[in-house]
Protein backbone atom coordinates (compact mmCIF):
# COMPACT_ATOMS: atom_id res chain seq x y z
CA MET A 1 -67.56 19.61 142.46
CA THR A 2 -70.09 22.48 142.17
CA PRO A 3 -69.06 25.73 140.85
CA PHE A 4 -68.93 28.63 143.36
CA LEU A 5 -69.78 31.30 140.47
CA PRO A 6 -72.40 31.32 137.73
CA PRO A 7 -71.00 29.09 134.97
CA ASP A 8 -71.34 31.73 132.45
CA TRP A 9 -69.05 34.25 134.49
CA LEU A 10 -66.29 31.86 134.69
CA PRO A 11 -64.91 31.93 131.17
CA VAL A 12 -65.11 35.91 131.34
CA ILE A 13 -63.25 36.14 134.63
CA PHE A 14 -60.36 33.73 133.04
CA ALA A 15 -60.21 35.57 129.77
CA ALA A 16 -59.93 38.86 132.15
CA LEU A 17 -57.28 37.15 134.21
CA MET A 18 -55.50 35.91 130.75
CA ALA A 19 -55.63 39.42 129.32
CA ALA A 20 -54.19 41.05 132.37
CA ALA A 21 -51.36 38.60 132.29
CA VAL A 22 -50.61 39.25 128.80
CA LEU A 23 -50.61 42.84 129.19
CA ALA A 24 -48.49 42.66 132.31
CA TYR A 25 -45.89 40.74 130.01
CA VAL A 26 -45.97 43.12 127.14
CA VAL A 27 -45.05 46.06 129.55
CA LEU A 28 -42.83 44.50 131.91
CA ASP A 29 -40.97 41.96 129.44
CA GLY A 30 -41.31 44.46 126.64
CA PHE A 31 -38.95 47.17 128.10
CA ASP A 32 -36.22 44.94 129.17
CA LEU A 33 -36.72 43.23 125.74
CA GLY A 34 -36.47 46.87 124.15
CA VAL A 35 -33.13 47.57 126.38
CA GLY A 36 -31.44 44.34 124.59
CA ILE A 37 -32.52 45.83 121.29
CA LEU A 38 -30.92 49.08 122.03
CA LEU A 39 -27.74 47.81 123.37
CA PRO A 40 -25.53 48.23 120.30
CA ALA A 41 -26.74 52.16 120.14
CA ALA A 42 -25.00 52.54 123.31
CA ALA A 43 -21.78 54.69 123.21
CA ASP A 44 -19.48 52.56 125.22
CA GLU A 45 -19.11 49.78 127.42
CA GLY A 46 -20.08 51.81 130.47
CA GLU A 47 -23.50 53.01 128.96
CA ARG A 48 -24.01 49.29 128.14
CA ASP A 49 -23.25 48.32 131.62
CA ARG A 50 -25.64 50.62 133.24
CA MET A 51 -28.27 49.60 130.43
CA ILE A 52 -28.16 45.84 131.70
CA ALA A 53 -28.00 46.85 135.29
CA SER A 54 -31.15 48.91 134.83
CA ILE A 55 -33.22 45.46 134.19
CA GLY A 56 -30.88 43.22 135.94
CA PRO A 57 -33.44 42.79 139.02
CA PHE A 58 -36.65 42.72 136.92
CA TRP A 59 -36.15 40.59 133.50
CA ASP A 60 -36.31 37.25 134.55
CA ALA A 61 -39.14 37.71 136.92
CA ASN A 62 -41.09 39.47 133.98
CA GLU A 63 -41.17 36.42 132.07
CA THR A 64 -43.52 34.79 135.01
CA TRP A 65 -46.29 36.76 133.33
CA LEU A 66 -45.64 35.09 130.02
CA VAL A 67 -45.92 31.57 131.50
CA LEU A 68 -49.23 32.64 133.48
CA GLY A 69 -50.71 33.91 130.45
CA VAL A 70 -50.17 30.78 128.38
CA GLY A 71 -50.77 28.51 131.31
CA LEU A 72 -54.27 29.95 131.85
CA LEU A 73 -54.98 29.60 128.08
CA LEU A 74 -54.25 25.94 128.27
CA VAL A 75 -56.25 25.16 131.41
CA ALA A 76 -59.21 27.41 130.82
CA PHE A 77 -59.57 27.28 126.86
CA PRO A 78 -57.83 24.06 125.90
CA THR A 79 -59.59 23.93 122.46
CA ALA A 80 -58.49 27.53 121.87
CA HIS A 81 -54.80 26.60 123.11
CA GLY A 82 -54.78 23.97 120.53
CA ILE A 83 -55.85 25.94 117.76
CA VAL A 84 -53.50 28.88 118.57
CA LEU A 85 -50.48 27.14 119.16
CA THR A 86 -51.07 25.07 115.83
CA GLN A 87 -51.11 28.07 113.90
CA LEU A 88 -48.18 29.80 115.74
CA TYR A 89 -45.97 26.66 116.72
CA LEU A 90 -43.10 27.93 114.61
CA ALA A 91 -43.22 31.48 115.86
CA VAL A 92 -43.56 30.16 119.36
CA ALA A 93 -40.40 28.03 118.81
CA VAL A 94 -38.40 31.01 117.52
CA MET A 95 -39.79 33.25 120.51
CA LEU A 96 -38.47 30.52 123.06
CA ALA A 97 -35.13 30.08 121.16
CA GLY A 98 -34.64 34.18 121.49
CA LEU A 99 -35.70 34.25 125.28
CA ILE A 100 -33.31 31.24 125.80
CA LEU A 101 -30.63 32.72 124.01
CA ARG A 102 -30.88 36.30 125.96
CA GLY A 103 -31.29 34.22 129.04
CA VAL A 104 -27.77 32.56 128.58
CA ALA A 105 -26.18 35.75 127.18
CA PHE A 106 -27.14 37.85 129.96
CA GLU A 107 -25.73 35.13 132.80
CA PHE A 108 -22.55 34.64 130.71
CA ARG A 109 -21.76 38.49 129.85
CA GLY A 110 -21.69 39.05 133.66
CA LYS A 111 -19.11 36.12 133.86
CA ALA A 112 -17.07 36.89 131.03
CA ALA A 113 -13.30 37.20 131.50
CA ASP A 114 -12.44 39.96 129.10
CA ARG A 115 -14.10 42.77 127.08
CA ARG A 116 -14.11 40.65 123.85
CA ASP A 117 -16.12 37.78 125.49
CA ARG A 118 -18.33 40.58 126.80
CA ARG A 119 -19.07 41.93 123.47
CA ARG A 120 -19.70 38.55 121.92
CA TRP A 121 -22.35 37.92 124.67
CA GLU A 122 -23.99 41.41 124.31
CA ALA A 123 -24.47 40.68 120.52
CA ALA A 124 -26.24 37.52 121.60
CA PHE A 125 -28.25 39.40 124.12
CA PHE A 126 -29.33 41.78 121.38
CA ALA A 127 -29.94 38.86 118.84
CA GLY A 128 -32.18 36.99 121.31
CA SER A 129 -33.90 40.14 122.41
CA LEU A 130 -34.89 41.27 118.78
CA LEU A 131 -35.89 37.74 117.84
CA ALA A 132 -38.09 37.26 120.67
CA ALA A 133 -39.67 40.70 120.15
CA ALA A 134 -40.13 40.19 116.44
CA SER A 135 -41.57 36.68 116.86
CA GLN A 136 -44.16 38.45 119.37
CA GLY A 137 -45.18 40.88 116.74
CA TRP A 138 -45.51 38.26 114.07
CA MET A 139 -47.88 36.25 116.39
CA LEU A 140 -49.96 39.31 117.18
CA GLY A 141 -50.33 40.18 113.46
CA ARG A 142 -51.34 36.60 112.79
CA TYR A 143 -53.89 36.62 115.48
CA ILE A 144 -55.45 40.06 114.80
CA LEU A 145 -56.29 38.56 111.31
CA GLY A 146 -57.75 35.41 112.36
CA PHE A 147 -54.62 33.35 111.19
CA ASP A 148 -56.08 34.36 107.51
CA GLY A 149 -54.09 32.48 105.04
CA HIS A 150 -53.82 34.96 102.18
CA TRP A 151 -50.67 36.93 101.65
CA GLN A 152 -52.13 40.39 102.80
CA ALA A 153 -52.38 38.83 106.19
CA TYR A 154 -48.79 37.42 106.25
CA ALA A 155 -47.77 41.08 104.99
CA PHE A 156 -49.66 42.62 108.12
CA ALA A 157 -48.00 40.30 110.30
CA LEU A 158 -44.59 41.17 109.13
CA MET A 159 -45.33 44.88 109.70
CA ALA A 160 -46.33 43.86 113.19
CA ALA A 161 -43.28 41.76 113.59
CA ILE A 162 -41.39 45.06 112.53
CA GLY A 163 -43.53 47.47 114.81
CA LEU A 164 -43.56 45.41 118.10
CA PRO A 165 -39.70 45.69 118.36
CA ILE A 166 -40.08 49.39 117.97
CA ALA A 167 -42.77 49.57 120.48
CA TYR A 168 -40.30 47.85 122.94
CA VAL A 169 -37.70 50.30 122.08
CA PHE A 170 -39.97 53.25 122.65
CA ILE A 171 -40.77 51.79 126.30
CA ALA A 172 -37.30 50.67 126.82
CA ALA A 173 -35.97 54.35 126.05
CA ALA A 174 -38.67 55.76 128.59
CA TRP A 175 -37.36 53.30 131.03
CA LEU A 176 -33.85 54.62 130.65
CA ILE A 177 -34.83 58.13 130.84
CA TRP A 178 -36.29 57.19 134.30
CA ARG A 179 -33.65 54.88 135.48
CA THR A 180 -30.37 56.54 134.11
CA GLU A 181 -28.43 59.79 134.28
CA GLY A 182 -25.95 61.97 132.25
CA ALA A 183 -25.05 61.17 128.66
CA LEU A 184 -26.92 57.83 128.55
CA GLN A 185 -30.42 59.77 129.76
CA THR A 186 -29.69 62.30 127.02
CA ARG A 187 -29.28 59.61 124.41
CA ALA A 188 -32.19 57.62 125.86
CA ILE A 189 -34.67 60.88 125.23
CA ARG A 190 -33.35 61.00 121.56
CA TRP A 191 -34.27 57.23 121.07
CA CYS A 192 -37.72 57.88 122.77
CA ARG A 193 -38.36 60.83 120.37
CA LEU A 194 -37.29 58.88 117.07
CA SER A 195 -39.54 55.94 118.29
CA LEU A 196 -42.72 57.80 118.98
CA GLY A 197 -43.67 58.63 115.58
CA PRO A 198 -43.30 54.81 114.38
CA VAL A 199 -45.35 53.74 117.41
CA ALA A 200 -47.86 56.20 116.55
CA PHE A 201 -48.16 55.17 113.02
CA GLY A 202 -48.26 51.18 114.11
CA ILE A 203 -51.18 52.08 116.44
CA LEU A 204 -53.07 53.83 113.44
CA LEU A 205 -52.40 51.03 111.01
CA VAL A 206 -53.82 48.39 113.67
CA SER A 207 -56.87 50.83 114.19
CA VAL A 208 -57.57 51.02 110.63
CA VAL A 209 -56.99 47.32 109.51
CA THR A 210 -58.83 45.66 112.68
CA PRO A 211 -62.46 47.04 111.90
CA LEU A 212 -61.68 46.19 108.10
CA VAL A 213 -60.86 42.44 108.52
CA SER A 214 -64.46 42.11 110.35
CA ASP A 215 -67.78 43.19 109.93
CA ARG A 216 -68.71 42.31 113.27
CA ILE A 217 -65.56 44.47 114.59
CA PHE A 218 -66.64 47.46 112.16
CA ASP A 219 -70.19 47.25 113.82
CA ARG A 220 -68.86 47.31 117.18
CA TRP A 221 -66.82 50.21 116.63
CA PHE A 222 -69.00 52.47 114.49
CA SER A 223 -72.66 51.77 115.44
CA LEU A 224 -74.61 53.30 118.06
CA PRO A 225 -74.10 53.36 121.05
CA TYR A 226 -70.55 51.85 120.84
CA VAL A 227 -69.06 54.58 118.87
CA VAL A 228 -69.81 56.95 121.61
CA LEU A 229 -68.74 54.59 124.37
CA LEU A 230 -65.22 54.18 122.46
CA ALA A 231 -64.76 57.75 121.51
CA PRO A 232 -62.70 58.20 124.65
CA LEU A 233 -59.88 55.60 123.47
CA PRO A 234 -58.77 57.25 120.43
CA ALA A 235 -58.90 60.68 122.10
CA ALA A 236 -57.20 59.61 124.85
CA THR A 237 -54.47 57.71 122.86
CA LEU A 238 -53.93 61.12 120.59
CA ALA A 239 -53.72 63.20 123.85
CA LEU A 240 -51.04 60.84 125.10
CA ILE A 241 -48.70 60.86 121.95
CA LEU A 242 -48.99 64.58 121.83
CA GLY A 243 -48.27 65.08 125.26
CA LEU A 244 -45.43 62.94 125.10
CA ASN A 245 -44.04 64.45 122.23
CA ALA A 246 -44.20 67.75 124.06
CA VAL A 247 -42.66 66.45 127.09
CA LEU A 248 -39.83 64.85 125.14
CA ARG A 249 -38.89 67.87 123.22
CA HIS A 250 -37.82 69.73 126.40
CA MET A 251 -36.24 66.75 128.33
CA PRO A 252 -34.29 66.75 130.34
CA TYR A 253 -35.98 69.37 132.93
CA PRO A 254 -33.87 70.96 135.79
CA GLY A 255 -33.38 68.70 138.65
CA ASP A 256 -34.54 65.53 136.33
CA ALA A 257 -38.09 66.48 136.84
CA LEU A 258 -40.71 64.27 135.12
CA ARG A 259 -38.29 61.67 134.49
CA HIS A 260 -40.80 58.93 135.11
CA LEU A 261 -43.68 60.50 133.01
CA PRO A 262 -42.44 58.98 129.52
CA PHE A 263 -42.50 55.68 131.03
CA TRP A 264 -45.88 55.80 132.38
CA GLY A 265 -47.16 57.65 129.25
CA ALA A 266 -45.86 54.63 127.28
CA VAL A 267 -47.62 52.13 129.78
CA GLY A 268 -50.67 54.40 128.95
CA LEU A 269 -50.47 53.65 125.17
CA PHE A 270 -49.83 50.04 125.66
CA VAL A 271 -52.90 49.85 127.95
CA LEU A 272 -55.19 52.04 125.70
CA SER A 273 -53.96 49.93 122.40
CA PHE A 274 -54.45 46.55 124.41
CA THR A 275 -58.05 47.64 125.52
CA GLY A 276 -59.28 48.53 121.90
CA LEU A 277 -57.85 45.05 120.73
CA ALA A 278 -59.70 43.16 123.68
CA TRP A 279 -63.06 45.36 123.10
CA SER A 280 -62.76 44.20 119.32
CA PHE A 281 -62.40 40.58 119.70
CA PHE A 282 -64.75 39.91 122.75
CA PRO A 283 -66.52 37.46 123.12
CA TYR A 284 -63.93 35.67 120.81
CA VAL A 285 -60.78 33.88 122.14
CA VAL A 286 -59.93 32.72 118.61
CA PRO A 287 -60.89 35.47 116.27
CA GLU A 288 -64.26 34.69 114.35
CA ARG A 289 -63.94 31.05 115.35
CA LEU A 290 -64.55 30.22 119.00
CA THR A 291 -65.96 32.34 121.82
CA LEU A 292 -64.97 32.08 125.19
CA TRP A 293 -67.91 29.78 126.07
CA GLN A 294 -67.18 27.35 123.37
CA ALA A 295 -63.46 26.88 124.14
CA ALA A 296 -63.81 26.98 127.69
CA ALA A 297 -63.28 23.81 130.14
CA ALA A 298 -66.00 22.35 132.19
CA PRO A 299 -67.18 24.91 134.91
CA GLU A 300 -66.04 22.39 137.83
CA SER A 301 -62.63 22.56 136.61
CA LEU A 302 -62.67 26.25 136.02
CA SER A 303 -63.80 26.71 139.55
CA LEU A 304 -60.94 24.55 140.80
CA ILE A 305 -58.43 26.43 138.84
CA LEU A 306 -59.69 29.73 139.79
CA ALA A 307 -59.17 28.99 143.50
CA GLY A 308 -55.54 28.04 142.88
CA ALA A 309 -55.27 31.40 140.35
CA ILE A 310 -56.71 33.36 143.27
CA LEU A 311 -53.53 32.27 145.65
CA VAL A 312 -50.83 32.41 143.04
CA LEU A 313 -51.52 35.96 141.51
CA PRO A 314 -51.15 37.96 144.76
CA VAL A 315 -47.61 36.30 145.22
CA ILE A 316 -46.63 37.47 141.53
CA LEU A 317 -47.79 40.96 142.18
CA ALA A 318 -46.29 41.20 145.55
CA TYR A 319 -42.98 40.13 144.32
CA THR A 320 -43.31 42.47 141.31
CA VAL A 321 -44.07 45.48 143.69
CA LEU A 322 -41.27 44.47 146.21
CA ALA A 323 -38.68 44.26 143.32
CA TRP A 324 -39.70 47.62 142.11
CA ARG A 325 -39.79 49.12 145.35
CA ILE A 326 -36.35 47.85 146.40
CA PHE A 327 -34.41 48.50 143.03
CA GLY A 328 -36.06 51.62 142.32
CA GLY A 329 -33.33 54.10 141.92
CA LYS A 330 -30.87 55.20 139.47
CA VAL A 331 -28.35 53.11 137.92
CA ARG A 332 -24.78 54.21 137.80
CA GLU A 333 -22.57 51.24 137.79
CA LEU A 334 -22.25 47.36 137.18
CA ARG A 335 -19.69 45.77 139.10
CA TYR A 336 -17.97 42.34 137.92
CA ASP A 337 -16.97 39.66 140.26
């Protein structure tokens, strides 16, 4: 089969698709994982009901993006897939256990016969959400430092395992500001304000460490003309953090104005941070080990897979947009059958 695109373009296209899938997963499943982590902080069962109801139509479908990202890594970059999962197999197993636990807890909480059983399943939902988020943070930390075996690399991964759940809490609180009202919305504003500082510190920490671990990345950040081209990223990130802090300080506004702004600001921080990391590691799919072209499957295989991806991606996007349009209002009550 003859490739219908230049062979050198195909790995880049698949890397872009994989990056988009991972970013979509981090944003979309990030806020519902964060809601699970925030669950014990709710004032009463009614607030916990509304928090769970706010993610009910979305949480299961959000994980589709994770499956898509890992699937693209497997079929497009099989060599990299083997290296990454070999290095992270335990963390991946822990993440899957957490996702399974929260999925079971979500379903069984809604079927629980009494309040005591619901509290047990709420605890399981919290544990599964925290376990999945922390393991994802650990994997991110290990990946950023190229799976280095020194204790400093493991310490950085541990910090990432703490930092990513806090980032998820931040975007979840912003989500609840948008989707809830009354006392729960006021509580979500406080959660969002409290988590913004640690999120800003985490972004700063990753920004400092990343160029220090690699001379190549340092040159890409601070040599001309890249330092000029990259300058808008930290400037936009700082402006977003300051803007979010100013908006949150005065919320809620009359008429619930600007209720959606913290969430989209949080999304902007995720996108800017992800863009900075992607720029730092390109063209490597495994940091400092394998480039996209070294790890890519045969051009004929990539062409065939790309044709399938072109059919599947619009379906996933359409379903996601449709769910957001149908279930886009305020959450007020969760009914038990």
